Amino acid sequence: MIQIKKNTIFLELTRNDLWHIATALRNEIINESRIRWIRYFKGCSEQEFITYVRSNHFPAFKYLEEIYIFLNREDKLVALEIELINIHSTYFKKYE
């Protein structure tokens, strides 16, 4: 069920639906980071890269946090950060 008002959308979702949405958001963040954000990143540390990606995907990260907390899967947020660290490490090793 979906209700759309002027500035608000209400969705009625199952836990499975939430899981699929979270997976899609996570995959998009990873793909966008590999293709786009690593090239524009001007910092040098892994933590700066994570902060940079979070700022460019702020709404998606907030939704992911809320979904994973609701699903009791906060470990998936840590796994996402590890994946971003791997992207950072791979890119900078390739261009050293």
N, C-alpha and C. Protein backbone atom coordinates (compact mmCIF):
# COMPACT_ATOMS: atom_id res chain seq x y z
N MET A 1 0.84 -1.17 0.00
CA MET A 1 0.00 0.00 0.00
C MET A 1 0.89 1.24 0.00
N ILE A 2 0.51 2.24 -0.77
CA ILE A 2 1.27 3.48 -0.85
C ILE A 2 0.31 4.66 -0.77
N GLN A 3 0.70 5.64 0.04
CA GLN A 3 -0.06 6.88 0.15
C GLN A 3 0.90 8.03 -0.12
N ILE A 4 0.52 8.89 -1.04
CA ILE A 4 1.38 10.02 -1.38
C ILE A 4 0.64 11.30 -1.01
N LYS A 5 1.31 12.10 -0.19
CA LYS A 5 0.79 13.41 0.17
C LYS A 5 1.76 14.45 -0.36
N LYS A 6 1.54 15.69 -0.03
CA LYS A 6 2.34 16.77 -0.62
C LYS A 6 3.85 16.55 -0.46
N ASN A 7 4.35 16.34 0.72
CA ASN A 7 5.78 16.16 0.94
C ASN A 7 6.12 14.84 1.63
N THR A 8 5.18 13.91 1.65
CA THR A 8 5.38 12.66 2.38
C THR A 8 4.84 11.49 1.59
N ILE A 9 5.57 10.37 1.68
CA ILE A 9 5.12 9.13 1.07
C ILE A 9 5.09 8.07 2.17
N PHE A 10 3.98 7.39 2.31
CA PHE A 10 3.84 6.31 3.27
C PHE A 10 3.80 4.99 2.50
N LEU A 11 4.68 4.08 2.87
CA LEU A 11 4.72 2.76 2.25
C LEU A 11 4.46 1.70 3.30
N GLU A 12 3.69 0.73 2.96
CA GLU A 12 3.49 -0.41 3.82
C GLU A 12 4.30 -1.56 3.25
N LEU A 13 5.35 -1.97 3.98
CA LEU A 13 6.29 -2.95 3.47
C LEU A 13 6.45 -4.11 4.43
N THR A 14 6.81 -5.25 3.89
CA THR A 14 7.16 -6.39 4.72
C THR A 14 8.66 -6.33 5.00
N ARG A 15 9.13 -7.17 5.91
CA ARG A 15 10.56 -7.23 6.21
C ARG A 15 11.35 -7.62 4.96
N ASN A 16 10.79 -8.50 4.17
CA ASN A 16 11.45 -8.92 2.93
C ASN A 16 11.58 -7.74 1.96
N ASP A 17 10.53 -6.93 1.86
CA ASP A 17 10.59 -5.74 1.01
C ASP A 17 11.69 -4.79 1.48
N LEU A 18 11.79 -4.60 2.79
CA LEU A 18 12.82 -3.73 3.34
C LEU A 18 14.21 -4.27 3.02
N TRP A 19 14.36 -5.58 3.11
CA TRP A 19 15.65 -6.19 2.80
C TRP A 19 16.04 -5.94 1.35
N HIS A 20 15.09 -6.06 0.43
CA HIS A 20 15.37 -5.81 -0.98
C HIS A 20 15.73 -4.34 -1.24
N ILE A 21 15.03 -3.45 -0.57
CA ILE A 21 15.34 -2.02 -0.72
C ILE A 21 16.74 -1.73 -0.19
N ALA A 22 17.07 -2.28 0.97
CA ALA A 22 18.39 -2.07 1.55
C ALA A 22 19.48 -2.63 0.64
N THR A 23 19.25 -3.79 0.07
CA THR A 23 20.24 -4.38 -0.84
C THR A 23 20.44 -3.52 -2.08
N ALA A 24 19.36 -2.99 -2.62
CA ALA A 24 19.47 -2.12 -3.80
C ALA A 24 20.23 -0.84 -3.46
N LEU A 25 19.93 -0.24 -2.32
CA LEU A 25 20.64 0.98 -1.90
C LEU A 25 22.13 0.69 -1.69
N ARG A 26 22.43 -0.41 -1.02
CA ARG A 26 23.82 -0.78 -0.74
C ARG A 26 24.59 -1.02 -2.05
N ASN A 27 24.00 -1.76 -2.97
CA ASN A 27 24.66 -2.04 -4.25
C ASN A 27 24.88 -0.76 -5.05
N GLU A 28 23.93 0.15 -5.00
CA GLU A 28 24.08 1.41 -5.73
C GLU A 28 25.20 2.25 -5.14
N ILE A 29 25.32 2.29 -3.82
CA ILE A 29 26.40 3.03 -3.18
C ILE A 29 27.75 2.44 -3.59
N ILE A 30 27.86 1.14 -3.57
CA ILE A 30 29.12 0.48 -3.94
C ILE A 30 29.46 0.73 -5.41
N ASN A 31 28.49 0.55 -6.29
CA ASN A 31 28.75 0.77 -7.72
C ASN A 31 29.11 2.22 -8.02
N GLU A 32 28.39 3.15 -7.43
CA GLU A 32 28.65 4.57 -7.64
C GLU A 32 30.03 4.93 -7.09
N SER A 33 30.42 4.33 -5.99
CA SER A 33 31.74 4.60 -5.41
C SER A 33 32.85 4.09 -6.32
N ARG A 34 32.67 2.91 -6.89
CA ARG A 34 33.68 2.34 -7.80
C ARG A 34 33.82 3.17 -9.08
N ILE A 35 32.69 3.59 -9.61
CA ILE A 35 32.68 4.25 -10.91
C ILE A 35 32.97 5.74 -10.81
N ARG A 36 32.41 6.39 -9.79
CA ARG A 36 32.42 7.84 -9.78
C ARG A 36 33.19 8.46 -8.62
N TRP A 37 32.81 8.12 -7.38
CA TRP A 37 33.31 8.89 -6.24
C TRP A 37 34.80 8.69 -6.00
N ILE A 38 35.34 7.55 -6.33
CA ILE A 38 36.78 7.32 -6.12
C ILE A 38 37.60 8.25 -7.01
N ARG A 39 37.08 8.59 -8.17
CA ARG A 39 37.80 9.48 -9.09
C ARG A 39 37.79 10.93 -8.63
N TYR A 40 36.72 11.36 -7.95
CA TYR A 40 36.61 12.74 -7.50
C TYR A 40 37.19 12.96 -6.10
N PHE A 41 37.50 11.89 -5.41
CA PHE A 41 37.99 11.98 -4.03
C PHE A 41 39.38 12.58 -4.00
N LYS A 42 39.58 13.61 -3.17
CA LYS A 42 40.87 14.31 -3.09
C LYS A 42 41.61 14.03 -1.79
N GLY A 43 41.04 13.26 -0.91
CA GLY A 43 41.70 12.96 0.36
C GLY A 43 42.68 11.81 0.21
N CYS A 44 43.16 11.34 1.35
CA CYS A 44 44.13 10.25 1.27
C CYS A 44 43.79 9.07 2.18
N SER A 45 43.00 9.25 3.22
CA SER A 45 42.76 8.14 4.14
C SER A 45 41.45 7.42 3.81
N GLU A 46 41.37 6.20 4.31
CA GLU A 46 40.16 5.40 4.09
C GLU A 46 38.96 6.02 4.79
N GLN A 47 39.17 6.53 6.00
CA GLN A 47 38.06 7.13 6.75
C GLN A 47 37.54 8.38 6.05
N GLU A 48 38.45 9.15 5.46
CA GLU A 48 38.01 10.33 4.70
C GLU A 48 37.18 9.91 3.49
N PHE A 49 37.56 8.81 2.86
CA PHE A 49 36.80 8.32 1.71
C PHE A 49 35.39 7.89 2.14
N ILE A 50 35.28 7.19 3.26
CA ILE A 50 33.97 6.78 3.76
C ILE A 50 33.12 8.01 4.06
N THR A 51 33.70 9.01 4.69
CA THR A 51 32.98 10.26 4.98
C THR A 51 32.55 10.94 3.70
N TYR A 52 33.43 10.94 2.70
CA TYR A 52 33.12 11.56 1.41
C TYR A 52 31.95 10.85 0.73
N VAL A 53 31.99 9.53 0.71
CA VAL A 53 30.91 8.76 0.08
C VAL A 53 29.61 8.97 0.86
N ARG A 54 29.68 8.96 2.19
CA ARG A 54 28.48 9.20 3.01
C ARG A 54 27.85 10.56 2.69
N SER A 55 28.69 11.57 2.52
CA SER A 55 28.14 12.91 2.24
C SER A 55 27.49 12.97 0.87
N ASN A 56 28.01 12.21 -0.09
CA ASN A 56 27.42 12.20 -1.43
C ASN A 56 26.18 11.31 -1.53
N HIS A 57 26.02 10.41 -0.59
CA HIS A 57 24.86 9.52 -0.55
C HIS A 57 24.13 9.64 0.78
N PHE A 58 24.03 10.86 1.29
CA PHE A 58 23.50 11.05 2.64
C PHE A 58 22.11 10.44 2.83
N PRO A 59 21.13 10.72 1.95
CA PRO A 59 19.80 10.11 2.17
C PRO A 59 19.84 8.58 2.13
N ALA A 60 20.59 8.02 1.19
CA ALA A 60 20.67 6.56 1.08
C ALA A 60 21.28 5.95 2.34
N PHE A 61 22.33 6.56 2.88
CA PHE A 61 22.94 6.04 4.11
C PHE A 61 21.97 6.13 5.28
N LYS A 62 21.21 7.22 5.36
CA LYS A 62 20.24 7.34 6.46
C LYS A 62 19.17 6.27 6.35
N TYR A 63 18.67 6.02 5.15
CA TYR A 63 17.68 4.96 4.96
C TYR A 63 18.26 3.59 5.30
N LEU A 64 19.49 3.35 4.85
CA LEU A 64 20.14 2.07 5.17
C LEU A 64 20.28 1.88 6.67
N GLU A 65 20.73 2.91 7.35
CA GLU A 65 20.88 2.82 8.81
C GLU A 65 19.55 2.47 9.47
N GLU A 66 18.51 3.17 9.08
CA GLU A 66 17.19 2.92 9.67
C GLU A 66 16.69 1.51 9.37
N ILE A 67 16.86 1.08 8.13
CA ILE A 67 16.39 -0.26 7.73
C ILE A 67 17.17 -1.34 8.47
N TYR A 68 18.51 -1.22 8.47
CA TYR A 68 19.32 -2.25 9.13
C TYR A 68 19.10 -2.28 10.64
N ILE A 69 18.88 -1.14 11.25
CA ILE A 69 18.56 -1.12 12.68
C ILE A 69 17.23 -1.82 12.92
N PHE A 70 16.24 -1.52 12.10
CA PHE A 70 14.94 -2.17 12.23
C PHE A 70 15.05 -3.69 12.05
N LEU A 71 15.87 -4.12 11.11
CA LEU A 71 16.04 -5.55 10.82
C LEU A 71 17.07 -6.22 11.75
N ASN A 72 17.64 -5.46 12.69
CA ASN A 72 18.68 -5.96 13.59
C ASN A 72 19.87 -6.51 12.82
N ARG A 73 20.29 -5.79 11.80
CA ARG A 73 21.44 -6.20 10.97
C ARG A 73 22.45 -5.05 10.84
N GLU A 74 22.84 -4.47 11.96
CA GLU A 74 23.81 -3.38 11.94
C GLU A 74 25.16 -3.84 11.38
N ASP A 75 25.40 -5.15 11.43
CA ASP A 75 26.64 -5.70 10.88
C ASP A 75 26.77 -5.41 9.38
N LYS A 76 25.66 -5.22 8.71
CA LYS A 76 25.69 -4.92 7.28
C LYS A 76 26.25 -3.52 7.01
N LEU A 77 26.07 -2.59 7.95
CA LEU A 77 26.67 -1.27 7.81
C LEU A 77 28.19 -1.36 7.90
N VAL A 78 28.67 -2.19 8.82
CA VAL A 78 30.11 -2.40 8.95
C VAL A 78 30.64 -3.06 7.68
N ALA A 79 29.92 -4.02 7.14
CA ALA A 79 30.34 -4.68 5.91
C ALA A 79 30.40 -3.68 4.74
N LEU A 80 29.47 -2.74 4.70
CA LEU A 80 29.49 -1.72 3.65
C LEU A 80 30.73 -0.84 3.78
N GLU A 81 31.07 -0.46 5.00
CA GLU A 81 32.26 0.35 5.20
C GLU A 81 33.52 -0.42 4.81
N ILE A 82 33.56 -1.71 5.10
CA ILE A 82 34.70 -2.54 4.70
C ILE A 82 34.80 -2.60 3.19
N GLU A 83 33.69 -2.72 2.52
CA GLU A 83 33.67 -2.73 1.05
C GLU A 83 34.19 -1.40 0.50
N LEU A 84 33.81 -0.29 1.11
CA LEU A 84 34.30 1.02 0.68
C LEU A 84 35.80 1.15 0.91
N ILE A 85 36.30 0.60 2.01
CA ILE A 85 37.74 0.60 2.28
C ILE A 85 38.46 -0.22 1.21
N ASN A 86 37.88 -1.35 0.81
CA ASN A 86 38.48 -2.17 -0.24
C ASN A 86 38.53 -1.42 -1.57
N ILE A 87 37.47 -0.69 -1.88
CA ILE A 87 37.45 0.11 -3.11
C ILE A 87 38.56 1.15 -3.06
N HIS A 88 38.68 1.83 -1.94
CA HIS A 88 39.72 2.84 -1.76
C HIS A 88 41.10 2.23 -1.92
N SER A 89 41.33 1.11 -1.25
CA SER A 89 42.64 0.45 -1.30
C SER A 89 42.98 -0.03 -2.70
N THR A 90 42.03 -0.64 -3.37
CA THR A 90 42.25 -1.15 -4.73
C THR A 90 42.56 -0.03 -5.70
N TYR A 91 41.84 1.06 -5.61
CA TYR A 91 42.05 2.17 -6.54
C TYR A 91 43.42 2.78 -6.35
N PHE A 92 43.81 3.03 -5.11
CA PHE A 92 45.08 3.70 -4.87
C PHE A 92 46.27 2.77 -5.08
N LYS A 93 46.11 1.47 -4.94
CA LYS A 93 47.19 0.54 -5.27
C LYS A 93 47.39 0.49 -6.78
N LYS A 94 46.29 0.59 -7.52
CA LYS A 94 46.35 0.52 -8.97
C LYS A 94 47.11 1.72 -9.55
N TYR A 95 47.02 2.86 -8.90
CA TYR A 95 47.64 4.09 -9.44
C TYR A 95 48.89 4.53 -8.71
N GLU A 96 49.50 3.63 -7.94
CA GLU A 96 50.76 3.97 -7.27
C GLU A 96 51.93 3.71 -8.19
